[in-house]
Amino acid sequence: MDILLRIDGVTSKKMFGGLGIMLNGKMFALIKDSELYFKTDDRNRKRFTDAGMTAFLASEKKKGMPYFEVPPYVVSDTEALLDWVQSSLEIASEK
């Protein structure tokens, strides 16, 4: 997951009891309890759900947010990870 922080211009700050990962002030990822979540919408959510991944649940809200857990096989494959990052960056930049 350290690769995310090596992307030029990426910053992080504490959020939701974890670490929000941002580019140009737009949050595209979240790390909580050693789990990585990426921002989703209708364009990329299916790839997460097809892999059996679930939405991040903010404990105080008890409902899903637009961040889904990233499959372990993606986290361990730098090329795949960067591909998944790209789709989440595009979504985050539009919001």
C-alpha atoms as a PDB file:
ATOM      1  CA  MET A   1       0.000   0.000   0.000  1.00  0.00           C
ATOM      2  CA  ASP A   2       3.001   2.269   0.326  1.00  0.00           C
ATOM      3  CA  ILE A   3       2.978   2.570  -3.460  1.00  0.00           C
ATOM      4  CA  LEU A   4      -0.026   4.902  -3.190  1.00  0.00           C
ATOM      5  CA  LEU A   5       1.953   7.382  -1.139  1.00  0.00           C
ATOM      6  CA  ARG A   6       4.706   7.356  -3.777  1.00  0.00           C
ATOM      7  CA  ILE A   7       2.390   8.680  -6.502  1.00  0.00           C
ATOM      8  CA  ASP A   8       3.402  12.247  -7.269  1.00  0.00           C
ATOM      9  CA  GLY A   9       1.158  14.713  -5.442  1.00  0.00           C
ATOM     10  CA  VAL A  10      -0.576  12.170  -3.189  1.00  0.00           C
ATOM     11  CA  THR A  11      -1.166  13.244   0.399  1.00  0.00           C
ATOM     12  CA  SER A  12      -2.795  11.603   3.377  1.00  0.00           C
ATOM     13  CA  LYS A  13      -4.612  12.632   6.531  1.00  0.00           C
ATOM     14  CA  LYS A  14      -6.449  10.934   9.358  1.00  0.00           C
ATOM     15  CA  MET A  15     -10.097  10.255   8.510  1.00  0.00           C
ATOM     16  CA  PHE A  16     -12.798   7.837   9.700  1.00  0.00           C
ATOM     17  CA  GLY A  17     -10.389   6.307  12.196  1.00  0.00           C
ATOM     18  CA  GLY A  18      -8.023   5.479   9.357  1.00  0.00           C
ATOM     19  CA  LEU A  19      -5.957   7.258   6.751  1.00  0.00           C
ATOM     20  CA  GLY A  20      -7.534   9.107   3.814  1.00  0.00           C
ATOM     21  CA  ILE A  21      -5.419   9.083   0.629  1.00  0.00           C
ATOM     22  CA  MET A  22      -5.880  12.123  -1.616  1.00  0.00           C
ATOM     23  CA  LEU A  23      -4.682  13.615  -4.857  1.00  0.00           C
ATOM     24  CA  ASN A  24      -5.268  17.334  -5.402  1.00  0.00           C
ATOM     25  CA  GLY A  25      -7.428  17.394  -2.295  1.00  0.00           C
ATOM     26  CA  LYS A  26      -9.786  14.683  -3.595  1.00  0.00           C
ATOM     27  CA  MET A  27      -9.965  11.480  -1.547  1.00  0.00           C
ATOM     28  CA  PHE A  28      -9.719   8.355  -3.696  1.00  0.00           C
ATOM     29  CA  ALA A  29      -8.640   5.748  -1.136  1.00  0.00           C
ATOM     30  CA  LEU A  30      -8.852   4.896   2.526  1.00  0.00           C
ATOM     31  CA  ILE A  31      -6.706   2.654   4.697  1.00  0.00           C
ATOM     32  CA  LYS A  32      -8.367   1.368   7.869  1.00  0.00           C
ATOM     33  CA  ASP A  33      -7.216  -1.535  10.047  1.00  0.00           C
ATOM     34  CA  SER A  34      -4.655  -2.564   7.397  1.00  0.00           C
ATOM     35  CA  GLU A  35      -7.385  -2.809   4.743  1.00  0.00           C
ATOM     36  CA  LEU A  36      -7.313  -0.728   1.567  1.00  0.00           C
ATOM     37  CA  TYR A  37     -10.514   0.750   0.136  1.00  0.00           C
ATOM     38  CA  PHE A  38     -10.967   2.627  -3.163  1.00  0.00           C
ATOM     39  CA  LYS A  39     -13.642   5.122  -4.147  1.00  0.00           C
ATOM     40  CA  THR A  40     -16.362   3.644  -6.343  1.00  0.00           C
ATOM     41  CA  ASP A  41     -19.410   4.574  -8.353  1.00  0.00           C
ATOM     42  CA  ASP A  42     -21.543   2.796 -10.938  1.00  0.00           C
ATOM     43  CA  ARG A  43     -18.620   2.638 -13.380  1.00  0.00           C
ATOM     44  CA  ASN A  44     -16.251   0.534 -11.274  1.00  0.00           C
ATOM     45  CA  ARG A  45     -18.266  -0.884  -8.356  1.00  0.00           C
ATOM     46  CA  LYS A  46     -19.006  -4.150 -10.207  1.00  0.00           C
ATOM     47  CA  ARG A  47     -15.334  -5.115 -10.321  1.00  0.00           C
ATOM     48  CA  PHE A  48     -15.277  -4.892  -6.517  1.00  0.00           C
ATOM     49  CA  THR A  49     -18.529  -6.749  -5.932  1.00  0.00           C
ATOM     50  CA  ASP A  50     -17.599  -9.427  -8.489  1.00  0.00           C
ATOM     51  CA  ALA A  51     -14.472 -10.041  -6.402  1.00  0.00           C
ATOM     52  CA  GLY A  52     -16.641 -10.422  -3.269  1.00  0.00           C
ATOM     53  CA  MET A  53     -15.509  -7.149  -1.710  1.00  0.00           C
ATOM     54  CA  THR A  54     -17.692  -5.063   0.580  1.00  0.00           C
ATOM     55  CA  ALA A  55     -18.231  -1.376   1.242  1.00  0.00           C
ATOM     56  CA  PHE A  56     -16.423   0.474   4.000  1.00  0.00           C
ATOM     57  CA  LEU A  57     -18.757   0.941   6.961  1.00  0.00           C
ATOM     58  CA  ALA A  58     -18.245   4.045   9.040  1.00  0.00           C
ATOM     59  CA  SER A  59     -18.973   2.795  12.543  1.00  0.00           C
ATOM     60  CA  GLU A  60     -20.775   5.953  13.553  1.00  0.00           C
ATOM     61  CA  LYS A  61     -23.024   5.908  10.475  1.00  0.00           C
ATOM     62  CA  LYS A  62     -23.557   2.135  10.191  1.00  0.00           C
ATOM     63  CA  LYS A  63     -24.054   2.404   6.449  1.00  0.00           C
ATOM     64  CA  GLY A  64     -21.897   1.835   3.418  1.00  0.00           C
ATOM     65  CA  MET A  65     -19.859   4.599   1.897  1.00  0.00           C
ATOM     66  CA  PRO A  66     -18.644   4.823  -1.712  1.00  0.00           C
ATOM     67  CA  TYR A  67     -15.397   3.041  -0.792  1.00  0.00           C
ATOM     68  CA  PHE A  68     -14.970  -0.690  -1.345  1.00  0.00           C
ATOM     69  CA  GLU A  69     -12.282  -3.016  -0.054  1.00  0.00           C
ATOM     70  CA  VAL A  70      -9.586  -3.806  -2.621  1.00  0.00           C
ATOM     71  CA  PRO A  71      -9.065  -7.538  -3.268  1.00  0.00           C
ATOM     72  CA  PRO A  72      -5.795  -8.958  -1.874  1.00  0.00           C
ATOM     73  CA  TYR A  73      -4.723 -10.161  -5.327  1.00  0.00           C
ATOM     74  CA  VAL A  74      -4.896  -6.555  -6.578  1.00  0.00           C
ATOM     75  CA  VAL A  75      -2.969  -5.170  -3.601  1.00  0.00           C
ATOM     76  CA  SER A  76      -0.148  -7.656  -4.258  1.00  0.00           C
ATOM     77  CA  ASP A  77       0.081  -6.864  -8.006  1.00  0.00           C
ATOM     78  CA  THR A  78       1.522  -3.383  -8.630  1.00  0.00           C
ATOM     79  CA  GLU A  79       0.293  -3.180 -12.236  1.00  0.00           C
ATOM     80  CA  ALA A  80      -3.252  -4.218 -11.302  1.00  0.00           C
ATOM     81  CA  LEU A  81      -3.229  -1.904  -8.297  1.00  0.00           C
ATOM     82  CA  LEU A  82      -2.297   1.100 -10.420  1.00  0.00           C
ATOM     83  CA  ASP A  83      -5.087   0.232 -12.872  1.00  0.00           C
ATOM     84  CA  TRP A  84      -7.646   0.140 -10.046  1.00  0.00           C
ATOM     85  CA  VAL A  85      -6.187   3.371  -8.612  1.00  0.00           C
ATOM     86  CA  GLN A  86      -6.710   5.101 -11.952  1.00  0.00           C
ATOM     87  CA  SER A  87     -10.448   4.393 -12.028  1.00  0.00           C
ATOM     88  CA  SER A  88     -10.855   5.633  -8.446  1.00  0.00           C
ATOM     89  CA  LEU A  89      -8.823   8.763  -9.178  1.00  0.00           C
ATOM     90  CA  GLU A  90     -11.097   9.565 -12.123  1.00  0.00           C
ATOM     91  CA  ILE A  91     -14.193   9.171  -9.946  1.00  0.00           C
ATOM     92  CA  ALA A  92     -12.739  11.247  -7.106  1.00  0.00           C
ATOM     93  CA  SER A  93     -11.674  14.048  -9.450  1.00  0.00           C
ATOM     94  CA  GLU A  94     -15.242  14.446 -10.742  1.00  0.00           C
ATOM     95  CA  LYS A  95     -16.819  14.905  -7.308  1.00  0.00           C
END
